[in-house]
Amino acid sequence: MKPHRRTPLASVKILNGAHELSVHDLKRRDDSFTLHYTIAPRLPDAGDDLPVFLALEAMDDVGNEYFDWGGAYGAADDGTHTNGSISAQPALAARACEIRVRLSFLRNGEEHPCHLVLRTSATKS
């Protein structure tokens, strides 16, 4: 896996402050967009007692809504953090300059939401 940029696009404490989520990239696609992130320390794997599930909802600054389209995560080779990605549909609007993202972490029947504001590559005219 290629190294992430040194300064994340956004970072936030999650799961009652026990972990830190850092978003490293927002990739636009023709039909969707994908967030690439790390979480430290690592999340439990699916085989562990309390796996963590992730869901995404978002809205851009021009009023469009975006919904979870799936993702994947796993422990880094050194075991210190989790690498992951999550996608949403539809594609980001060309005019959108900013996206407000709600990530909901689901663990042991409890929802742990976090909110991020990310800049897109669009610029206001």
N, C-alpha and C. Protein backbone atom coordinates (compact mmCIF):
# COMPACT_ATOMS: atom_id res chain seq x y z
N MET A 1 0.84 -1.17 0.00
CA MET A 1 0.00 0.00 0.00
C MET A 1 0.89 1.23 0.00
N LYS A 2 0.52 2.24 -0.82
CA LYS A 2 1.34 3.44 -0.88
C LYS A 2 1.23 4.23 0.41
N PRO A 3 2.27 4.96 0.78
CA PRO A 3 2.23 5.74 2.03
C PRO A 3 1.22 6.87 1.92
N HIS A 4 0.62 7.25 3.04
CA HIS A 4 -0.34 8.33 3.08
C HIS A 4 0.38 9.66 3.18
N ARG A 5 -0.32 10.72 2.75
CA ARG A 5 0.26 12.06 2.89
C ARG A 5 0.51 12.33 4.37
N ARG A 6 1.47 13.15 4.65
CA ARG A 6 1.87 13.41 6.03
C ARG A 6 0.77 14.12 6.83
N THR A 7 0.13 15.10 6.25
CA THR A 7 -0.93 15.81 6.94
C THR A 7 -2.27 15.30 6.44
N PRO A 8 -3.08 14.70 7.32
CA PRO A 8 -4.38 14.19 6.88
C PRO A 8 -5.33 15.32 6.49
N LEU A 9 -6.33 15.01 5.69
CA LEU A 9 -7.37 15.97 5.34
C LEU A 9 -8.19 16.33 6.58
N ALA A 10 -8.38 15.36 7.47
CA ALA A 10 -9.13 15.57 8.71
C ALA A 10 -8.77 14.46 9.69
N SER A 11 -8.83 14.78 10.98
CA SER A 11 -8.62 13.79 12.05
C SER A 11 -9.63 14.06 13.14
N VAL A 12 -10.08 12.97 13.78
CA VAL A 12 -11.06 13.10 14.86
C VAL A 12 -10.95 11.89 15.78
N LYS A 13 -11.18 12.10 17.07
CA LYS A 13 -11.24 11.00 18.03
C LYS A 13 -12.57 10.27 17.84
N ILE A 14 -12.54 8.93 17.92
CA ILE A 14 -13.74 8.12 17.72
C ILE A 14 -13.84 7.06 18.82
N LEU A 15 -15.00 6.41 18.86
CA LEU A 15 -15.25 5.31 19.78
C LEU A 15 -14.90 5.70 21.21
N ASN A 16 -15.57 6.75 21.67
CA ASN A 16 -15.39 7.28 23.04
C ASN A 16 -13.96 7.74 23.31
N GLY A 17 -13.28 8.22 22.27
CA GLY A 17 -11.93 8.75 22.42
C GLY A 17 -10.83 7.71 22.46
N ALA A 18 -11.18 6.44 22.26
CA ALA A 18 -10.19 5.37 22.35
C ALA A 18 -9.34 5.22 21.08
N HIS A 19 -9.79 5.80 19.97
CA HIS A 19 -9.09 5.68 18.68
C HIS A 19 -9.08 7.04 18.00
N GLU A 20 -8.17 7.20 17.04
CA GLU A 20 -8.16 8.40 16.21
C GLU A 20 -8.30 8.00 14.75
N LEU A 21 -9.30 8.61 14.09
CA LEU A 21 -9.54 8.41 12.66
C LEU A 21 -8.86 9.55 11.91
N SER A 22 -8.07 9.21 10.90
CA SER A 22 -7.45 10.22 10.03
C SER A 22 -7.83 9.90 8.59
N VAL A 23 -8.46 10.85 7.93
CA VAL A 23 -8.80 10.70 6.50
C VAL A 23 -7.64 11.25 5.70
N HIS A 24 -7.09 10.41 4.81
CA HIS A 24 -5.90 10.78 4.05
C HIS A 24 -6.19 11.15 2.60
N ASP A 25 -7.34 10.71 2.07
CA ASP A 25 -7.60 10.97 0.67
C ASP A 25 -9.09 10.89 0.39
N LEU A 26 -9.55 11.73 -0.50
CA LEU A 26 -10.91 11.69 -1.02
C LEU A 26 -10.77 11.54 -2.53
N LYS A 27 -11.17 10.40 -3.05
CA LYS A 27 -11.03 10.11 -4.48
C LYS A 27 -12.38 10.19 -5.16
N ARG A 28 -12.48 11.00 -6.19
CA ARG A 28 -13.69 11.09 -7.01
C ARG A 28 -13.68 9.99 -8.06
N ARG A 29 -14.84 9.41 -8.29
CA ARG A 29 -15.03 8.42 -9.35
C ARG A 29 -16.22 8.89 -10.19
N ASP A 30 -16.45 8.24 -11.34
CA ASP A 30 -17.57 8.62 -12.20
C ASP A 30 -18.93 8.40 -11.54
N ASP A 31 -19.03 7.39 -10.67
CA ASP A 31 -20.32 7.06 -10.07
C ASP A 31 -20.33 7.14 -8.54
N SER A 32 -19.21 7.56 -7.93
CA SER A 32 -19.09 7.52 -6.47
C SER A 32 -17.87 8.33 -6.03
N PHE A 33 -17.62 8.32 -4.73
CA PHE A 33 -16.36 8.83 -4.19
C PHE A 33 -15.94 7.91 -3.05
N THR A 34 -14.66 7.92 -2.75
CA THR A 34 -14.11 7.04 -1.73
C THR A 34 -13.21 7.82 -0.78
N LEU A 35 -13.39 7.56 0.52
CA LEU A 35 -12.51 8.10 1.54
C LEU A 35 -11.52 7.01 1.94
N HIS A 36 -10.25 7.36 2.01
CA HIS A 36 -9.21 6.44 2.48
C HIS A 36 -8.76 6.95 3.84
N TYR A 37 -8.69 6.05 4.82
CA TYR A 37 -8.43 6.47 6.19
C TYR A 37 -7.55 5.48 6.93
N THR A 38 -7.04 5.94 8.08
CA THR A 38 -6.38 5.07 9.04
C THR A 38 -7.03 5.31 10.40
N ILE A 39 -6.99 4.30 11.25
CA ILE A 39 -7.48 4.40 12.62
C ILE A 39 -6.41 3.82 13.52
N ALA A 40 -6.04 4.60 14.55
CA ALA A 40 -5.02 4.14 15.50
C ALA A 40 -5.54 4.32 16.93
N PRO A 41 -5.30 3.35 17.81
CA PRO A 41 -4.79 2.01 17.50
C PRO A 41 -5.78 1.24 16.63
N ARG A 42 -5.37 0.09 16.17
CA ARG A 42 -6.17 -0.67 15.20
C ARG A 42 -7.51 -1.08 15.79
N LEU A 43 -8.49 -1.23 14.88
CA LEU A 43 -9.80 -1.76 15.26
C LEU A 43 -9.72 -3.28 15.36
N PRO A 44 -10.65 -3.90 16.09
CA PRO A 44 -10.68 -5.36 16.12
C PRO A 44 -11.02 -5.92 14.73
N ASP A 45 -10.46 -7.06 14.41
CA ASP A 45 -10.78 -7.72 13.14
C ASP A 45 -12.12 -8.42 13.25
N ALA A 46 -12.69 -8.82 12.11
CA ALA A 46 -14.00 -9.47 12.07
C ALA A 46 -14.05 -10.73 12.94
N GLY A 47 -12.92 -11.41 13.12
CA GLY A 47 -12.88 -12.62 13.93
C GLY A 47 -12.83 -12.36 15.43
N ASP A 48 -12.61 -11.11 15.82
CA ASP A 48 -12.55 -10.75 17.24
C ASP A 48 -13.95 -10.73 17.85
N ASP A 49 -14.02 -10.65 19.17
CA ASP A 49 -15.30 -10.67 19.88
C ASP A 49 -16.21 -9.51 19.54
N LEU A 50 -15.69 -8.31 19.43
CA LEU A 50 -16.52 -7.13 19.18
C LEU A 50 -16.09 -6.41 17.90
N PRO A 51 -16.49 -6.94 16.73
CA PRO A 51 -16.12 -6.25 15.49
C PRO A 51 -16.79 -4.89 15.42
N VAL A 52 -16.24 -4.02 14.59
CA VAL A 52 -16.77 -2.68 14.38
C VAL A 52 -17.22 -2.58 12.93
N PHE A 53 -18.43 -2.04 12.73
CA PHE A 53 -18.97 -1.83 11.40
C PHE A 53 -19.05 -0.33 11.17
N LEU A 54 -18.93 0.09 9.91
CA LEU A 54 -18.89 1.50 9.58
C LEU A 54 -19.94 1.82 8.53
N ALA A 55 -20.65 2.95 8.71
CA ALA A 55 -21.62 3.43 7.74
C ALA A 55 -21.36 4.91 7.48
N LEU A 56 -21.66 5.38 6.27
CA LEU A 56 -21.38 6.75 5.87
C LEU A 56 -22.64 7.40 5.32
N GLU A 57 -22.86 8.65 5.69
CA GLU A 57 -23.86 9.54 5.09
C GLU A 57 -23.16 10.87 4.90
N ALA A 58 -23.54 11.61 3.86
CA ALA A 58 -22.89 12.89 3.63
C ALA A 58 -23.81 13.85 2.88
N MET A 59 -23.48 15.14 2.99
CA MET A 59 -24.17 16.18 2.24
C MET A 59 -23.14 17.21 1.82
N ASP A 60 -23.26 17.69 0.58
CA ASP A 60 -22.31 18.70 0.12
C ASP A 60 -22.87 20.10 0.32
N ASP A 61 -22.06 21.09 0.01
CA ASP A 61 -22.43 22.48 0.24
C ASP A 61 -23.41 23.04 -0.79
N VAL A 62 -23.80 22.23 -1.77
CA VAL A 62 -24.85 22.64 -2.71
C VAL A 62 -26.13 21.84 -2.51
N GLY A 63 -26.20 21.04 -1.43
CA GLY A 63 -27.44 20.37 -1.05
C GLY A 63 -27.63 18.94 -1.50
N ASN A 64 -26.65 18.33 -2.12
CA ASN A 64 -26.76 16.94 -2.55
C ASN A 64 -26.46 15.99 -1.40
N GLU A 65 -27.18 14.87 -1.36
CA GLU A 65 -26.96 13.84 -0.34
C GLU A 65 -26.25 12.64 -0.95
N TYR A 66 -25.45 11.98 -0.11
CA TYR A 66 -24.67 10.81 -0.53
C TYR A 66 -24.83 9.72 0.51
N PHE A 67 -24.85 8.46 0.01
CA PHE A 67 -25.12 7.34 0.90
C PHE A 67 -24.09 6.23 0.72
N ASP A 68 -23.87 5.51 1.80
CA ASP A 68 -22.89 4.43 1.90
C ASP A 68 -23.02 3.47 0.72
N TRP A 69 -21.87 3.09 0.18
CA TRP A 69 -21.81 2.13 -0.93
C TRP A 69 -20.84 1.00 -0.61
N GLY A 70 -20.41 0.92 0.65
CA GLY A 70 -19.55 -0.18 1.07
C GLY A 70 -18.11 0.24 1.26
N GLY A 71 -17.38 -0.64 1.87
CA GLY A 71 -15.97 -0.38 2.14
C GLY A 71 -15.30 -1.61 2.71
N ALA A 72 -14.07 -1.42 3.10
CA ALA A 72 -13.30 -2.53 3.68
C ALA A 72 -12.22 -1.95 4.57
N TYR A 73 -11.81 -2.74 5.57
CA TYR A 73 -10.70 -2.33 6.41
C TYR A 73 -9.98 -3.56 6.94
N GLY A 74 -8.76 -3.34 7.37
CA GLY A 74 -7.96 -4.41 7.96
C GLY A 74 -6.74 -3.83 8.65
N ALA A 75 -6.18 -4.63 9.53
CA ALA A 75 -5.01 -4.19 10.30
C ALA A 75 -3.82 -4.00 9.37
N ALA A 76 -3.03 -2.98 9.65
CA ALA A 76 -1.78 -2.76 8.93
C ALA A 76 -0.83 -3.92 9.22
N ASP A 77 0.14 -4.11 8.35
CA ASP A 77 1.07 -5.23 8.52
C ASP A 77 1.76 -5.22 9.88
N ASP A 78 2.05 -4.03 10.41
CA ASP A 78 2.74 -3.96 11.71
C ASP A 78 1.77 -4.03 12.89
N GLY A 79 0.44 -4.07 12.62
CA GLY A 79 -0.56 -4.21 13.67
C GLY A 79 -0.84 -2.97 14.49
N THR A 80 -0.24 -1.84 14.14
CA THR A 80 -0.39 -0.63 14.96
C THR A 80 -1.64 0.17 14.64
N HIS A 81 -2.20 -0.01 13.45
CA HIS A 81 -3.37 0.76 13.05
C HIS A 81 -4.19 -0.02 12.04
N THR A 82 -5.34 0.53 11.71
CA THR A 82 -6.22 -0.03 10.70
C THR A 82 -6.15 0.84 9.46
N ASN A 83 -6.06 0.22 8.28
CA ASN A 83 -6.18 0.92 7.00
C ASN A 83 -7.56 0.61 6.46
N GLY A 84 -8.24 1.60 5.89
CA GLY A 84 -9.55 1.33 5.34
C GLY A 84 -9.97 2.32 4.28
N SER A 85 -11.08 1.96 3.64
CA SER A 85 -11.71 2.85 2.67
C SER A 85 -13.22 2.63 2.76
N ILE A 86 -13.97 3.68 2.46
CA ILE A 86 -15.41 3.59 2.42
C ILE A 86 -15.89 4.49 1.28
N SER A 87 -16.86 3.99 0.52
CA SER A 87 -17.36 4.71 -0.64
C SER A 87 -18.80 5.15 -0.44
N ALA A 88 -19.20 6.15 -1.22
CA ALA A 88 -20.57 6.64 -1.19
C ALA A 88 -21.00 6.96 -2.61
N GLN A 89 -22.31 6.94 -2.84
CA GLN A 89 -22.90 7.28 -4.12
C GLN A 89 -23.96 8.34 -3.91
N PRO A 90 -24.28 9.10 -4.92
CA PRO A 90 -23.72 9.14 -6.27
C PRO A 90 -22.35 9.83 -6.28
N ALA A 91 -21.86 10.12 -7.48
CA ALA A 91 -20.60 10.85 -7.61
C ALA A 91 -20.75 12.23 -7.00
N LEU A 92 -19.66 12.79 -6.49
CA LEU A 92 -19.69 14.14 -5.96
C LEU A 92 -20.07 15.13 -7.06
N ALA A 93 -20.94 16.06 -6.72
CA ALA A 93 -21.33 17.09 -7.69
C ALA A 93 -20.10 17.91 -8.08
N ALA A 94 -20.00 18.25 -9.34
CA ALA A 94 -18.85 19.00 -9.84
C ALA A 94 -18.72 20.35 -9.13
N ARG A 95 -19.85 20.96 -8.74
CA ARG A 95 -19.82 22.27 -8.08
C ARG A 95 -19.56 22.19 -6.58
N ALA A 96 -19.58 21.01 -6.00
CA ALA A 96 -19.39 20.87 -4.56
C ALA A 96 -17.96 21.23 -4.17
N CYS A 97 -17.83 22.13 -3.20
CA CYS A 97 -16.51 22.54 -2.70
C CYS A 97 -16.20 21.91 -1.35
N GLU A 98 -17.25 21.48 -0.67
CA GLU A 98 -17.10 20.96 0.68
C GLU A 98 -18.14 19.87 0.90
N ILE A 99 -17.77 18.87 1.66
CA ILE A 99 -18.69 17.79 1.98
C ILE A 99 -18.68 17.56 3.49
N ARG A 100 -19.88 17.48 4.06
CA ARG A 100 -20.04 17.20 5.49
C ARG A 100 -20.36 15.71 5.62
N VAL A 101 -19.49 14.98 6.27
CA VAL A 101 -19.57 13.52 6.35
C VAL A 101 -19.94 13.10 7.76
N ARG A 102 -20.89 12.19 7.87
CA ARG A 102 -21.19 11.54 9.15
C ARG A 102 -20.79 10.08 9.00
N LEU A 103 -19.81 9.66 9.79
CA LEU A 103 -19.40 8.26 9.85
C LEU A 103 -19.95 7.69 11.14
N SER A 104 -20.67 6.58 11.03
CA SER A 104 -21.23 5.92 12.20
C SER A 104 -20.53 4.59 12.40
N PHE A 105 -19.87 4.47 13.54
CA PHE A 105 -19.21 3.23 13.92
C PHE A 105 -20.18 2.44 14.79
N LEU A 106 -20.46 1.22 14.40
CA LEU A 106 -21.40 0.36 15.11
C LEU A 106 -20.63 -0.76 15.80
N ARG A 107 -20.75 -0.82 17.14
CA ARG A 107 -20.03 -1.83 17.90
C ARG A 107 -20.89 -2.27 19.07
N ASN A 108 -21.06 -3.58 19.19
CA ASN A 108 -21.78 -4.16 20.32
C ASN A 108 -23.17 -3.53 20.51
N GLY A 109 -23.87 -3.30 19.39
CA GLY A 109 -25.22 -2.75 19.44
C GLY A 109 -25.29 -1.25 19.69
N GLU A 110 -24.16 -0.56 19.78
CA GLU A 110 -24.13 0.88 20.01
C GLU A 110 -23.60 1.61 18.78
N GLU A 111 -24.20 2.78 18.53
CA GLU A 111 -23.74 3.63 17.43
C GLU A 111 -22.85 4.73 18.00
N HIS A 112 -21.69 4.92 17.35
CA HIS A 112 -20.73 5.95 17.74
C HIS A 112 -20.47 6.83 16.52
N PRO A 113 -21.25 7.92 16.34
CA PRO A 113 -21.07 8.76 15.16
C PRO A 113 -19.93 9.75 15.32
N CYS A 114 -19.36 10.16 14.20
CA CYS A 114 -18.42 11.27 14.18
C CYS A 114 -18.72 12.08 12.92
N HIS A 115 -18.36 13.36 12.97
CA HIS A 115 -18.64 14.28 11.87
C HIS A 115 -17.35 14.91 11.37
N LEU A 116 -17.23 15.00 10.06
CA LEU A 116 -16.06 15.59 9.42
C LEU A 116 -16.52 16.56 8.34
N VAL A 117 -15.75 17.59 8.10
CA VAL A 117 -15.95 18.47 6.96
C VAL A 117 -14.70 18.36 6.11
N LEU A 118 -14.89 18.00 4.84
CA LEU A 118 -13.77 17.80 3.92
C LEU A 118 -13.92 18.73 2.72
N ARG A 119 -12.82 19.31 2.30
CA ARG A 119 -12.79 20.10 1.07
C ARG A 119 -12.69 19.14 -0.10
N THR A 120 -13.35 19.47 -1.18
CA THR A 120 -13.20 18.71 -2.42
C THR A 120 -12.24 19.47 -3.31
N SER A 121 -11.99 18.97 -4.49
CA SER A 121 -11.06 19.68 -5.39
C SER A 121 -11.74 20.80 -6.15
N ALA A 122 -13.07 20.96 -6.01
CA ALA A 122 -13.78 22.04 -6.70
C ALA A 122 -13.47 23.38 -6.02
N THR A 123 -13.63 24.43 -6.75
CA THR A 123 -13.46 25.77 -6.18
C THR A 123 -14.70 26.60 -6.48
N LYS A 124 -15.04 27.47 -5.57
CA LYS A 124 -16.23 28.32 -5.77
C LYS A 124 -15.92 29.34 -6.86
N SER A 125 -16.93 29.58 -7.71
CA SER A 125 -16.73 30.57 -8.78
C SER A 125 -17.46 31.86 -8.48
